[in-house]
Amino acid sequence: MTNLTKPLAKYIDHTNLKPNATKADIEKLCQEAKEYDFASVCVNPTWVKLASQLLKDSDVNVCTVIGFPLGATSTFSKVLESKQAILDGADELDMVQNVGELLSGNEEAVYEDVKAVADAVHENGKVLKVILENCLLTKEQIKRSSELAMKANADFVKTSTGFSTGGATAEDVKIMKEVVGDKLQVKAAGGIHTKEEAMAMIENGADRIGASAGIEIVKAD
């Protein structure tokens, strides 16, 4: 059995990234996050300001997504999106790496993209997680992406958007953790619905879990 270094709820980014999420849905998400004391809520950029207002007297962070879900926007727009999210109250930003450039062998572009966002995020004392989108990568490419994110000064590497062909696997988490060690943290997200699944991720090195099923996970026996 894994020994947790903090309450299970504090591993969880309570997530609603649905395109049809309404104001009422986000209000509910924030209320639940306060009630269960999750690490953060993860919402689309349009809801950051609302979430920030709702959570201002709590220790629940506001997390948002950048260049989401494809990672195929320009670096300029990712940086701008990040700066706006921070102005709106985001504490943590989960950006999607440029998968197409990685698969084209253009590692310099992948690095520069992450580095530019990392600089903008750290300038404001915030946290950057880089979504690798592992389901589109080979094991070797997962390793290389983790190395590039580390070199670019990201704070976390993250498995998945949850919007592609697959989500987090314990095996992928282990690969990522082996690369980044204690230098970066690892976030597992995409398809984690049960406490067993969450614990398997943590056991293999995940420091954070992104899930829309956070309540079910923490309430499980």
Protein backbone atom coordinates (compact mmCIF):
# COMPACT_ATOMS: atom_id res chain seq x y z
CA MET A 1 0.00 0.00 0.00
CA THR A 2 1.31 3.43 -0.93
CA ASN A 3 2.07 5.81 1.91
CA LEU A 4 0.58 9.16 0.98
CA THR A 5 2.58 12.26 1.88
CA LYS A 6 -0.62 14.33 2.16
CA PRO A 7 -4.39 13.69 2.24
CA LEU A 8 -5.60 12.05 -0.98
CA ALA A 9 -7.79 15.09 -1.77
CA LYS A 10 -4.66 17.26 -1.94
CA TYR A 11 -3.38 15.17 -4.85
CA ILE A 12 -6.43 16.01 -6.92
CA ASP A 13 -7.09 18.78 -9.44
CA HIS A 14 -10.92 18.74 -9.46
CA THR A 15 -11.56 19.14 -13.16
CA ASN A 16 -14.26 20.32 -15.53
CA LEU A 17 -12.91 21.14 -18.99
CA LYS A 18 -16.07 20.31 -20.89
CA PRO A 19 -16.87 22.73 -23.71
CA ASN A 20 -20.47 22.84 -22.53
CA ALA A 21 -19.68 23.54 -18.86
CA THR A 22 -21.96 26.33 -17.62
CA LYS A 23 -21.49 28.96 -14.93
CA ALA A 24 -23.58 26.78 -12.61
CA ASP A 25 -21.29 23.81 -13.30
CA ILE A 26 -18.20 25.84 -12.39
CA GLU A 27 -19.86 27.19 -9.24
CA LYS A 28 -20.65 23.61 -8.22
CA LEU A 29 -17.08 22.49 -9.00
CA CYS A 30 -15.64 25.25 -6.79
CA GLN A 31 -18.05 24.51 -3.97
CA GLU A 32 -17.09 20.83 -4.08
CA ALA A 33 -13.39 21.71 -4.15
CA LYS A 34 -13.78 23.78 -0.99
CA GLU A 35 -15.86 21.10 0.68
CA TYR A 36 -13.39 18.29 -0.06
CA ASP A 37 -10.25 20.50 0.09
CA PHE A 38 -8.87 19.48 -3.30
CA ALA A 39 -5.51 20.82 -4.48
CA SER A 40 -7.15 22.88 -7.21
CA VAL A 41 -9.99 23.23 -9.64
CA CYS A 42 -9.00 22.88 -13.28
CA VAL A 43 -11.19 24.92 -15.63
CA ASN A 44 -11.05 26.41 -19.10
CA PRO A 45 -9.62 29.96 -19.31
CA THR A 46 -13.03 31.56 -19.72
CA TRP A 47 -13.92 30.45 -16.16
CA VAL A 48 -10.70 31.40 -14.37
CA LYS A 49 -11.95 34.77 -13.14
CA LEU A 50 -15.12 33.24 -11.69
CA ALA A 51 -13.24 30.36 -10.05
CA SER A 52 -10.71 32.79 -8.59
CA GLN A 53 -13.48 34.86 -7.03
CA LEU A 54 -15.25 31.81 -5.64
CA LEU A 55 -12.07 30.33 -4.14
CA LYS A 56 -10.38 33.48 -2.87
CA ASP A 57 -10.89 32.66 0.82
CA SER A 58 -9.78 29.03 0.48
CA ASP A 59 -6.49 27.21 -0.05
CA VAL A 60 -7.78 25.62 -3.26
CA ASN A 61 -5.75 26.77 -6.26
CA VAL A 62 -7.13 27.76 -9.64
CA CYS A 63 -5.65 25.74 -12.49
CA THR A 64 -6.32 26.35 -16.18
CA VAL A 65 -5.23 25.06 -19.58
CA ILE A 66 -3.16 26.73 -22.30
CA GLY A 67 -3.02 25.87 -26.01
CA PHE A 68 -5.63 23.29 -25.15
CA PRO A 69 -6.34 20.61 -26.22
CA LEU A 70 -4.11 20.30 -29.31
CA GLY A 71 -1.00 22.29 -28.41
CA ALA A 72 -0.89 23.42 -32.02
CA THR A 73 -1.31 27.15 -31.48
CA SER A 74 1.58 29.60 -31.81
CA THR A 75 3.98 30.22 -28.94
CA PHE A 76 2.94 33.88 -29.03
CA SER A 77 -0.70 32.98 -28.41
CA LYS A 78 0.21 30.50 -25.64
CA VAL A 79 2.21 33.20 -23.86
CA LEU A 80 -0.60 35.73 -24.25
CA GLU A 81 -3.17 33.20 -23.04
CA SER A 82 -0.97 32.46 -20.02
CA LYS A 83 -0.56 36.11 -19.10
CA GLN A 84 -4.31 36.70 -19.36
CA ALA A 85 -5.06 33.61 -17.25
CA ILE A 86 -2.69 34.87 -14.56
CA LEU A 87 -4.34 38.32 -14.62
CA ASP A 88 -7.68 36.55 -14.19
CA GLY A 89 -6.37 34.70 -11.13
CA ALA A 90 -4.82 31.40 -12.29
CA ASP A 91 -2.26 29.84 -9.93
CA GLU A 92 -1.34 26.85 -12.09
CA LEU A 93 -1.26 26.55 -15.89
CA ASP A 94 -1.36 23.27 -17.81
CA MET A 95 -0.02 23.88 -21.32
CA VAL A 96 -0.03 21.37 -24.18
CA GLN A 97 3.35 20.88 -25.81
CA ASN A 98 3.62 21.14 -29.59
CA VAL A 99 3.19 17.46 -30.39
CA GLY A 100 3.41 17.94 -34.16
CA GLU A 101 6.79 19.64 -33.90
CA LEU A 102 8.06 16.89 -31.62
CA LEU A 103 6.95 14.19 -34.07
CA SER A 104 8.60 16.18 -36.88
CA GLY A 105 11.90 16.01 -35.02
CA ASN A 106 11.98 19.74 -34.26
CA GLU A 107 12.95 19.54 -30.61
CA GLU A 108 14.22 23.12 -30.56
CA ALA A 109 10.71 24.40 -31.37
CA VAL A 110 9.20 22.21 -28.64
CA TYR A 111 11.74 23.50 -26.11
CA GLU A 112 11.35 27.16 -27.11
CA ASP A 113 7.55 26.90 -26.91
CA VAL A 114 7.64 25.56 -23.35
CA LYS A 115 10.44 27.90 -22.28
CA ALA A 116 8.54 31.00 -23.43
CA VAL A 117 5.46 30.00 -21.45
CA ALA A 118 7.56 28.93 -18.44
CA ASP A 119 9.24 32.34 -18.37
CA ALA A 120 5.89 34.16 -18.49
CA VAL A 121 4.42 31.92 -15.78
CA HIS A 122 7.42 32.08 -13.43
CA GLU A 123 7.74 35.84 -13.85
CA ASN A 124 4.43 35.95 -12.00
CA GLY A 125 5.34 33.29 -9.43
CA LYS A 126 2.93 30.71 -10.84
CA VAL A 127 3.24 26.99 -11.67
CA LEU A 128 3.58 25.43 -15.14
CA LYS A 129 2.61 21.89 -16.04
CA VAL A 130 3.43 20.60 -19.52
CA ILE A 131 0.97 18.15 -21.06
CA LEU A 132 2.88 15.69 -23.24
CA GLU A 133 -0.16 13.85 -24.71
CA ASN A 134 1.45 10.45 -24.22
CA CYS A 135 -1.14 8.52 -26.23
CA LEU A 136 0.32 10.08 -29.39
CA LEU A 137 3.93 9.32 -28.42
CA THR A 138 6.28 6.34 -28.27
CA LYS A 139 7.94 5.54 -24.94
CA GLU A 140 11.13 7.13 -26.25
CA GLN A 141 9.22 10.30 -27.22
CA ILE A 142 7.64 10.44 -23.74
CA LYS A 143 11.16 10.37 -22.28
CA ARG A 144 12.41 13.02 -24.68
CA SER A 145 9.40 15.28 -24.05
CA SER A 146 9.98 14.98 -20.31
CA GLU A 147 13.63 15.94 -20.78
CA LEU A 148 12.71 18.96 -22.92
CA ALA A 149 10.10 20.14 -20.39
CA MET A 150 12.68 19.79 -17.62
CA LYS A 151 15.29 21.71 -19.63
CA ALA A 152 12.71 24.46 -20.28
CA ASN A 153 12.12 24.85 -16.51
CA ALA A 154 8.57 23.50 -16.28
CA ASP A 155 7.37 22.56 -12.80
CA PHE A 156 5.41 19.45 -13.78
CA VAL A 157 5.05 17.06 -16.69
CA LYS A 158 1.51 15.83 -17.27
CA THR A 159 0.37 12.72 -19.12
CA SER A 160 -2.66 13.76 -21.13
CA THR A 161 -5.35 16.27 -22.02
CA GLY A 162 -8.11 13.69 -21.68
CA PHE A 163 -9.32 14.85 -25.11
CA SER A 164 -7.19 12.63 -27.38
CA THR A 165 -7.03 8.90 -28.09
CA GLY A 166 -6.05 7.81 -24.58
CA GLY A 167 -5.38 8.93 -21.02
CA ALA A 168 -2.93 8.29 -18.21
CA THR A 169 -1.31 4.92 -17.65
CA ALA A 170 0.75 3.90 -14.63
CA GLU A 171 3.49 2.73 -16.98
CA ASP A 172 3.77 6.18 -18.60
CA VAL A 173 3.81 7.88 -15.19
CA LYS A 174 6.70 5.64 -14.18
CA ILE A 175 8.65 6.53 -17.35
CA MET A 176 8.12 10.25 -16.74
CA LYS A 177 9.12 10.01 -13.07
CA GLU A 178 12.28 8.09 -13.96
CA VAL A 179 13.29 10.96 -16.25
CA VAL A 180 12.44 13.93 -14.04
CA GLY A 181 13.22 12.43 -10.63
CA ASP A 182 12.85 15.03 -7.91
CA LYS A 183 13.44 17.96 -10.26
CA LEU A 184 9.86 18.09 -11.55
CA GLN A 185 6.55 16.75 -10.36
CA VAL A 186 4.29 14.47 -12.40
CA LYS A 187 0.57 14.91 -13.00
CA ALA A 188 -1.51 11.98 -14.22
CA ALA A 189 -4.77 12.89 -15.97
CA GLY A 190 -7.23 11.35 -18.39
CA GLY A 191 -9.48 8.41 -17.60
CA ILE A 192 -8.81 8.20 -13.85
CA HIS A 193 -12.18 7.36 -12.32
CA THR A 194 -11.51 5.21 -9.25
CA LYS A 195 -9.43 5.30 -6.09
CA GLU A 196 -7.57 2.18 -7.29
CA GLU A 197 -6.58 3.92 -10.52
CA ALA A 198 -5.50 7.06 -8.66
CA MET A 199 -3.44 5.05 -6.17
CA ALA A 200 -1.73 3.14 -9.00
CA MET A 201 -0.67 6.48 -10.49
CA ILE A 202 0.63 7.75 -7.14
CA GLU A 203 2.45 4.47 -6.54
CA ASN A 204 4.27 4.95 -9.84
CA GLY A 205 5.33 8.51 -9.10
CA ALA A 206 2.36 10.85 -9.67
CA ASP A 207 2.33 13.90 -7.41
CA ARG A 208 -0.98 15.16 -8.75
CA ILE A 209 -4.10 13.59 -10.26
CA GLY A 210 -6.34 15.41 -12.71
CA ALA A 211 -9.86 14.00 -12.55
CA SER A 212 -13.50 14.91 -12.89
CA ALA A 213 -14.26 12.00 -10.53
CA GLY A 214 -12.40 13.49 -7.55
CA ILE A 215 -15.31 13.09 -5.15
CA GLU A 216 -15.80 9.42 -6.05
CA ILE A 217 -12.05 8.86 -5.65
CA VAL A 218 -11.79 10.37 -2.17
CA LYS A 219 -15.07 8.89 -0.91
CA ALA A 220 -14.14 5.34 -1.94
CA ASP A 221 -13.42 2.95 0.92
